[in-house]
Amino acid sequence: MFKERLLSFYHTYRGGIDGAFIGLIVATAVLLLGVYRVVFIAICMSLGYFIGTKMSENKDYLKNLLDRILPPGTYR
């Protein structure tokens, strides 16, 4: 009975609950690590997410990216 009511409450206010939880995690990270470290971690995570999604779409994305940055054949 309590579980169904709790799940119903969560589904009704899902955005607010998720936002509050993410805010709690970010605030804790800022207090423990500092603002600049948290921003650096967020930038690294965003780059990783971007490269990961591109690699799932195109298997040769990383190879082509390295060919554009480095001279061709350098990393092989």
PDB file of N, CA and C in Angstrom:
ATOM      1  N   MET A   1       0.820  -1.183   0.000  1.00  0.00           N
ATOM      2  CA  MET A   1       0.000   0.000   0.000  1.00  0.00           C
ATOM      3  C   MET A   1       0.874   1.262   0.000  1.00  0.00           C
ATOM      4  N   PHE A   2       1.848   1.297   0.919  1.00  0.00           N
ATOM      5  CA  PHE A   2       2.710   2.479   1.002  1.00  0.00           C
ATOM      6  C   PHE A   2       3.576   2.607  -0.237  1.00  0.00           C
ATOM      7  N   LYS A   3       4.025   1.471  -0.774  1.00  0.00           N
ATOM      8  CA  LYS A   3       4.887   1.498  -1.950  1.00  0.00           C
ATOM      9  C   LYS A   3       4.151   2.067  -3.163  1.00  0.00           C
ATOM     10  N   GLU A   4       2.899   1.673  -3.346  1.00  0.00           N
ATOM     11  CA  GLU A   4       2.111   2.184  -4.469  1.00  0.00           C
ATOM     12  C   GLU A   4       1.882   3.687  -4.336  1.00  0.00           C
ATOM     13  N   ARG A   5       1.605   4.156  -3.112  1.00  0.00           N
ATOM     14  CA  ARG A   5       1.387   5.584  -2.897  1.00  0.00           C
ATOM     15  C   ARG A   5       2.671   6.368  -3.146  1.00  0.00           C
ATOM     16  N   LEU A   6       3.803   5.794  -2.715  1.00  0.00           N
ATOM     17  CA  LEU A   6       5.091   6.448  -2.922  1.00  0.00           C
ATOM     18  C   LEU A   6       5.430   6.527  -4.406  1.00  0.00           C
ATOM     19  N   LEU A   7       5.210   5.442  -5.145  1.00  0.00           N
ATOM     20  CA  LEU A   7       5.459   5.446  -6.587  1.00  0.00           C
ATOM     21  C   LEU A   7       4.531   6.412  -7.320  1.00  0.00           C
ATOM     22  N   SER A   8       3.286   6.470  -6.891  1.00  0.00           N
ATOM     23  CA  SER A   8       2.339   7.409  -7.490  1.00  0.00           C
ATOM     24  C   SER A   8       2.785   8.853  -7.248  1.00  0.00           C
ATOM     25  N   PHE A   9       3.229   9.143  -6.029  1.00  0.00           N
ATOM     26  CA  PHE A   9       3.731  10.475  -5.700  1.00  0.00           C
ATOM     27  C   PHE A   9       4.951  10.805  -6.552  1.00  0.00           C
ATOM     28  N   TYR A  10       5.865   9.829  -6.702  1.00  0.00           N
ATOM     29  CA  TYR A  10       7.070  10.061  -7.504  1.00  0.00           C
ATOM     30  C   TYR A  10       6.716  10.340  -8.956  1.00  0.00           C
ATOM     31  N   HIS A  11       5.818   9.556  -9.529  1.00  0.00           N
ATOM     32  CA  HIS A  11       5.459   9.763 -10.935  1.00  0.00           C
ATOM     33  C   HIS A  11       4.738  11.096 -11.145  1.00  0.00           C
ATOM     34  N   THR A  12       4.016  11.561 -10.133  1.00  0.00           N
ATOM     35  CA  THR A  12       3.323  12.833 -10.244  1.00  0.00           C
ATOM     36  C   THR A  12       4.304  14.005 -10.220  1.00  0.00           C
ATOM     37  N   TYR A  13       5.304  13.932  -9.340  1.00  0.00           N
ATOM     38  CA  TYR A  13       6.254  15.034  -9.151  1.00  0.00           C
ATOM     39  C   TYR A  13       7.675  14.629  -9.558  1.00  0.00           C
ATOM     40  N   ARG A  14       7.796  13.850 -10.602  1.00  0.00           N
ATOM     41  CA  ARG A  14       9.083  13.294 -11.007  1.00  0.00           C
ATOM     42  C   ARG A  14      10.122  14.359 -11.340  1.00  0.00           C
ATOM     43  N   GLY A  15       9.762  15.380 -12.098  1.00  0.00           N
ATOM     44  CA  GLY A  15      10.711  16.416 -12.489  1.00  0.00           C
ATOM     45  C   GLY A  15      11.272  17.164 -11.298  1.00  0.00           C
ATOM     46  N   GLY A  16      10.411  17.530 -10.376  1.00  0.00           N
ATOM     47  CA  GLY A  16      10.855  18.257  -9.198  1.00  0.00           C
ATOM     48  C   GLY A  16      11.737  17.416  -8.289  1.00  0.00           C
ATOM     49  N   ILE A  17      11.380  16.163  -8.123  1.00  0.00           N
ATOM     50  CA  ILE A  17      12.172  15.264  -7.272  1.00  0.00           C
ATOM     51  C   ILE A  17      13.531  15.004  -7.900  1.00  0.00           C
ATOM     52  N   ASP A  18      13.560  14.734  -9.192  1.00  0.00           N
ATOM     53  CA  ASP A  18      14.834  14.507  -9.879  1.00  0.00           C
ATOM     54  C   ASP A  18      15.711  15.760  -9.851  1.00  0.00           C
ATOM     55  N   GLY A  19      15.108  16.920 -10.063  1.00  0.00           N
ATOM     56  CA  GLY A  19      15.860  18.165 -10.027  1.00  0.00           C
ATOM     57  C   GLY A  19      16.440  18.448  -8.652  1.00  0.00           C
ATOM     58  N   ALA A  20      15.664  18.180  -7.608  1.00  0.00           N
ATOM     59  CA  ALA A  20      16.154  18.388  -6.245  1.00  0.00           C
ATOM     60  C   ALA A  20      17.298  17.429  -5.926  1.00  0.00           C
ATOM     61  N   PHE A  21      17.196  16.197  -6.395  1.00  0.00           N
ATOM     62  CA  PHE A  21      18.250  15.214  -6.152  1.00  0.00           C
ATOM     63  C   PHE A  21      19.539  15.604  -6.879  1.00  0.00           C
ATOM     64  N   ILE A  22      19.439  16.042  -8.125  1.00  0.00           N
ATOM     65  CA  ILE A  22      20.615  16.483  -8.875  1.00  0.00           C
ATOM     66  C   ILE A  22      21.219  17.725  -8.224  1.00  0.00           C
ATOM     67  N   GLY A  23      20.375  18.643  -7.760  1.00  0.00           N
ATOM     68  CA  GLY A  23      20.863  19.819  -7.056  1.00  0.00           C
ATOM     69  C   GLY A  23      21.599  19.454  -5.778  1.00  0.00           C
ATOM     70  N   LEU A  24      21.102  18.463  -5.062  1.00  0.00           N
ATOM     71  CA  LEU A  24      21.772  18.000  -3.850  1.00  0.00           C
ATOM     72  C   LEU A  24      23.140  17.414  -4.165  1.00  0.00           C
ATOM     73  N   ILE A  25      23.231  16.641  -5.226  1.00  0.00           N
ATOM     74  CA  ILE A  25      24.507  16.041  -5.623  1.00  0.00           C
ATOM     75  C   ILE A  25      25.504  17.133  -6.037  1.00  0.00           C
ATOM     76  N   VAL A  26      25.059  18.099  -6.835  1.00  0.00           N
ATOM     77  CA  VAL A  26      25.952  19.172  -7.280  1.00  0.00           C
ATOM     78  C   VAL A  26      26.400  20.025  -6.099  1.00  0.00           C
ATOM     79  N   ALA A  27      25.481  20.353  -5.197  1.00  0.00           N
ATOM     80  CA  ALA A  27      25.841  21.165  -4.034  1.00  0.00           C
ATOM     81  C   ALA A  27      26.843  20.437  -3.142  1.00  0.00           C
ATOM     82  N   THR A  28      26.650  19.145  -2.947  1.00  0.00           N
ATOM     83  CA  THR A  28      27.588  18.360  -2.141  1.00  0.00           C
ATOM     84  C   THR A  28      28.954  18.319  -2.808  1.00  0.00           C
ATOM     85  N   ALA A  29      28.980  18.147  -4.119  1.00  0.00           N
ATOM     86  CA  ALA A  29      30.253  18.111  -4.844  1.00  0.00           C
ATOM     87  C   ALA A  29      30.965  19.452  -4.757  1.00  0.00           C
ATOM     88  N   VAL A  30      30.236  20.554  -4.855  1.00  0.00           N
ATOM     89  CA  VAL A  30      30.853  21.877  -4.760  1.00  0.00           C
ATOM     90  C   VAL A  30      31.421  22.096  -3.365  1.00  0.00           C
ATOM     91  N   LEU A  31      30.700  21.684  -2.339  1.00  0.00           N
ATOM     92  CA  LEU A  31      31.186  21.849  -0.975  1.00  0.00           C
ATOM     93  C   LEU A  31      32.415  20.991  -0.700  1.00  0.00           C
ATOM     94  N   LEU A  32      32.434  19.784  -1.252  1.00  0.00           N
ATOM     95  CA  LEU A  32      33.549  18.873  -0.986  1.00  0.00           C
ATOM     96  C   LEU A  32      34.761  19.146  -1.878  1.00  0.00           C
ATOM     97  N   LEU A  33      34.534  19.470  -3.146  1.00  0.00           N
ATOM     98  CA  LEU A  33      35.628  19.594  -4.109  1.00  0.00           C
ATOM     99  C   LEU A  33      35.982  21.031  -4.464  1.00  0.00           C
ATOM    100  N   GLY A  34      35.025  21.910  -4.486  1.00  0.00           N
ATOM    101  CA  GLY A  34      35.245  23.278  -4.921  1.00  0.00           C
ATOM    102  C   GLY A  34      34.616  23.509  -6.288  1.00  0.00           C
ATOM    103  N   VAL A  35      34.375  24.762  -6.601  1.00  0.00           N
ATOM    104  CA  VAL A  35      33.662  25.126  -7.827  1.00  0.00           C
ATOM    105  C   VAL A  35      34.455  24.755  -9.070  1.00  0.00           C
ATOM    106  N   TYR A  36      35.743  25.089  -9.102  1.00  0.00           N
ATOM    107  CA  TYR A  36      36.532  24.868 -10.312  1.00  0.00           C
ATOM    108  C   TYR A  36      36.696  23.389 -10.621  1.00  0.00           C
ATOM    109  N   ARG A  37      36.847  22.565  -9.601  1.00  0.00           N
ATOM    110  CA  ARG A  37      36.972  21.130  -9.840  1.00  0.00           C
ATOM    111  C   ARG A  37      35.665  20.547 -10.357  1.00  0.00           C
ATOM    112  N   VAL A  38      34.556  21.017  -9.830  1.00  0.00           N
ATOM    113  CA  VAL A  38      33.249  20.533 -10.295  1.00  0.00           C
ATOM    114  C   VAL A  38      33.009  20.962 -11.740  1.00  0.00           C
ATOM    115  N   VAL A  39      33.387  22.191 -12.087  1.00  0.00           N
ATOM    116  CA  VAL A  39      33.239  22.654 -13.476  1.00  0.00           C
ATOM    117  C   VAL A  39      34.130  21.834 -14.398  1.00  0.00           C
ATOM    118  N   PHE A  40      35.365  21.538 -13.965  1.00  0.00           N
ATOM    119  CA  PHE A  40      36.263  20.714 -14.768  1.00  0.00           C
ATOM    120  C   PHE A  40      35.684  19.314 -14.979  1.00  0.00           C
ATOM    121  N   ILE A  41      35.125  18.726 -13.929  1.00  0.00           N
ATOM    122  CA  ILE A  41      34.515  17.397 -14.044  1.00  0.00           C
ATOM    123  C   ILE A  41      33.322  17.447 -14.999  1.00  0.00           C
ATOM    124  N   ALA A  42      32.509  18.504 -14.909  1.00  0.00           N
ATOM    125  CA  ALA A  42      31.349  18.633 -15.791  1.00  0.00           C
ATOM    126  C   ALA A  42      31.776  18.775 -17.249  1.00  0.00           C
ATOM    127  N   ILE A  43      32.841  19.528 -17.504  1.00  0.00           N
ATOM    128  CA  ILE A  43      33.339  19.685 -18.878  1.00  0.00           C
ATOM    129  C   ILE A  43      33.855  18.352 -19.412  1.00  0.00           C
ATOM    130  N   CYS A  44      34.611  17.623 -18.600  1.00  0.00           N
ATOM    131  CA  CYS A  44      35.128  16.320 -19.028  1.00  0.00           C
ATOM    132  C   CYS A  44      33.994  15.331 -19.286  1.00  0.00           C
ATOM    133  N   MET A  45      32.977  15.347 -18.429  1.00  0.00           N
ATOM    134  CA  MET A  45      31.836  14.456 -18.636  1.00  0.00           C
ATOM    135  C   MET A  45      31.081  14.813 -19.911  1.00  0.00           C
ATOM    136  N   SER A  46      30.925  16.105 -20.175  1.00  0.00           N
ATOM    137  CA  SER A  46      30.226  16.530 -21.387  1.00  0.00           C
ATOM    138  C   SER A  46      30.992  16.121 -22.642  1.00  0.00           C
ATOM    139  N   LEU A  47      32.316  16.304 -22.636  1.00  0.00           N
ATOM    140  CA  LEU A  47      33.130  15.875 -23.775  1.00  0.00           C
ATOM    141  C   LEU A  47      33.055  14.358 -23.967  1.00  0.00           C
ATOM    142  N   GLY A  48      33.121  13.625 -22.877  1.00  0.00           N
ATOM    143  CA  GLY A  48      33.017  12.177 -22.961  1.00  0.00           C
ATOM    144  C   GLY A  48      31.674  11.727 -23.507  1.00  0.00           C
ATOM    145  N   TYR A  49      30.613  12.371 -23.063  1.00  0.00           N
ATOM    146  CA  TYR A  49      29.275  12.049 -23.562  1.00  0.00           C
ATOM    147  C   TYR A  49      29.168  12.354 -25.046  1.00  0.00           C
ATOM    148  N   PHE A  50      29.680  13.517 -25.463  1.00  0.00           N
ATOM    149  CA  PHE A  50      29.618  13.918 -26.866  1.00  0.00           C
ATOM    150  C   PHE A  50      30.387  12.934 -27.749  1.00  0.00           C
ATOM    151  N   ILE A  51      31.609  12.612 -27.361  1.00  0.00           N
ATOM    152  CA  ILE A  51      32.424  11.680 -28.154  1.00  0.00           C
ATOM    153  C   ILE A  51      31.801  10.288 -28.147  1.00  0.00           C
ATOM    154  N   GLY A  52      31.263   9.863 -27.005  1.00  0.00           N
ATOM    155  CA  GLY A  52      30.624   8.550 -26.928  1.00  0.00           C
ATOM    156  C   GLY A  52      29.411   8.426 -27.824  1.00  0.00           C
ATOM    157  N   THR A  53      28.572   9.468 -27.885  1.00  0.00           N
ATOM    158  CA  THR A  53      27.401   9.408 -28.755  1.00  0.00           C
ATOM    159  C   THR A  53      27.814   9.422 -30.223  1.00  0.00           C
ATOM    160  N   LYS A  54      28.853  10.197 -30.552  1.00  0.00           N
ATOM    161  CA  LYS A  54      29.330  10.212 -31.934  1.00  0.00           C
ATOM    162  C   LYS A  54      29.919   8.856 -32.319  1.00  0.00           C
ATOM    163  N   MET A  55      30.621   8.203 -31.374  1.00  0.00           N
ATOM    164  CA  MET A  55      31.205   6.894 -31.667  1.00  0.00           C
ATOM    165  C   MET A  55      30.131   5.825 -31.824  1.00  0.00           C
ATOM    166  N   SER A  56      29.019   5.948 -31.109  1.00  0.00           N
ATOM    167  CA  SER A  56      27.954   4.962 -31.269  1.00  0.00           C
ATOM    168  C   SER A  56      27.251   5.129 -32.614  1.00  0.00           C
ATOM    169  N   GLU A  57      27.250   6.347 -33.149  1.00  0.00           N
ATOM    170  CA  GLU A  57      26.663   6.582 -34.469  1.00  0.00           C
ATOM    171  C   GLU A  57      27.612   6.166 -35.583  1.00  0.00           C
ATOM    172  N   ASN A  58      28.903   6.456 -35.410  1.00  0.00           N
ATOM    173  CA  ASN A  58      29.896   6.197 -36.443  1.00  0.00           C
ATOM    174  C   ASN A  58      31.106   5.548 -35.770  1.00  0.00           C
ATOM    175  N   LYS A  59      31.378   4.299 -36.094  1.00  0.00           N
ATOM    176  CA  LYS A  59      32.454   3.552 -35.436  1.00  0.00           C
ATOM    177  C   LYS A  59      33.835   4.138 -35.710  1.00  0.00           C
ATOM    178  N   ASP A  60      34.032   4.825 -36.821  1.00  0.00           N
ATOM    179  CA  ASP A  60      35.331   5.401 -37.176  1.00  0.00           C
ATOM    180  C   ASP A  60      35.454   6.866 -36.762  1.00  0.00           C
ATOM    181  N   TYR A  61      34.558   7.352 -35.901  1.00  0.00           N
ATOM    182  CA  TYR A  61      34.578   8.769 -35.521  1.00  0.00           C
ATOM    183  C   TYR A  61      35.871   9.141 -34.808  1.00  0.00           C
ATOM    184  N   LEU A  62      36.298   8.345 -33.848  1.00  0.00           N
ATOM    185  CA  LEU A  62      37.512   8.663 -33.097  1.00  0.00           C
ATOM    186  C   LEU A  62      38.735   8.619 -34.000  1.00  0.00           C
ATOM    187  N   LYS A  63      38.776   7.657 -34.890  1.00  0.00           N
ATOM    188  CA  LYS A  63      39.887   7.548 -35.843  1.00  0.00           C
ATOM    189  C   LYS A  63      39.935   8.778 -36.757  1.00  0.00           C
ATOM    190  N   ASN A  64      38.784   9.194 -37.252  1.00  0.00           N
ATOM    191  CA  ASN A  64      38.724  10.383 -38.115  1.00  0.00           C
ATOM    192  C   ASN A  64      39.053  11.653 -37.339  1.00  0.00           C
ATOM    193  N   LEU A  65      38.609  11.725 -36.084  1.00  0.00           N
ATOM    194  CA  LEU A  65      38.914  12.879 -35.253  1.00  0.00           C
ATOM    195  C   LEU A  65      40.414  12.998 -35.015  1.00  0.00           C
ATOM    196  N   LEU A  66      41.051  11.872 -34.703  1.00  0.00           N
ATOM    197  CA  LEU A  66      42.497  11.900 -34.497  1.00  0.00           C
ATOM    198  C   LEU A  66      43.248  12.206 -35.780  1.00  0.00           C
ATOM    199  N   ASP A  67      42.725  11.771 -36.931  1.00  0.00           N
ATOM    200  CA  ASP A  67      43.340  12.117 -38.216  1.00  0.00           C
ATOM    201  C   ASP A  67      43.274  13.620 -38.477  1.00  0.00           C
ATOM    202  N   ARG A  68      42.196  14.272 -38.029  1.00  0.00           N
ATOM    203  CA  ARG A  68      42.088  15.719 -38.209  1.00  0.00           C
ATOM    204  C   ARG A  68      43.003  16.483 -37.258  1.00  0.00           C
ATOM    205  N   ILE A  69      43.199  15.966 -36.042  1.00  0.00           N
ATOM    206  CA  ILE A  69      44.016  16.663 -35.040  1.00  0.00           C
ATOM    207  C   ILE A  69      45.493  16.380 -35.245  1.00  0.00           C
ATOM    208  N   LEU A  70      45.843  15.119 -35.396  1.00  0.00           N
ATOM    209  CA  LEU A  70      47.228  14.700 -35.540  1.00  0.00           C
ATOM    210  C   LEU A  70      47.544  14.450 -37.012  1.00  0.00           C
ATOM    211  N   PRO A  71      48.796  14.382 -37.381  1.00  0.00           N
ATOM    212  CA  PRO A  71      49.128  13.975 -38.754  1.00  0.00           C
ATOM    213  C   PRO A  71      48.633  12.552 -38.999  1.00  0.00           C
ATOM    214  N   PRO A  72      48.134  12.247 -40.185  1.00  0.00           N
ATOM    215  CA  PRO A  72      47.583  10.926 -40.462  1.00  0.00           C
ATOM    216  C   PRO A  72      48.602   9.806 -40.195  1.00  0.00           C
ATOM    217  N   GLY A  73      48.146   8.759 -39.543  1.00  0.00           N
ATOM    218  CA  GLY A  73      48.975   7.600 -39.276  1.00  0.00           C
ATOM    219  C   GLY A  73      49.843   7.721 -38.028  1.00  0.00           C
ATOM    220  N   THR A  74      49.753   8.810 -37.293  1.00  0.00           N
ATOM    221  CA  THR A  74      50.617   9.023 -36.127  1.00  0.00           C
ATOM    222  C   THR A  74      50.252   8.100 -34.982  1.00  0.00           C
ATOM    223  N   TYR A  75      48.990   7.847 -34.760  1.00  0.00           N
ATOM    224  CA  TYR A  75      48.521   7.083 -33.609  1.00  0.00           C
ATOM    225  C   TYR A  75      48.448   5.589 -33.866  1.00  0.00           C
ATOM    226  N   ARG A  76      48.786   5.120 -35.058  1.00  0.00           N
ATOM    227  CA  ARG A  76      48.672   3.689 -35.364  1.00  0.00           C
ATOM    228  C   ARG A  76      49.910   2.944 -34.982  1.00  0.00           C
TER     229      ARG A  76
END
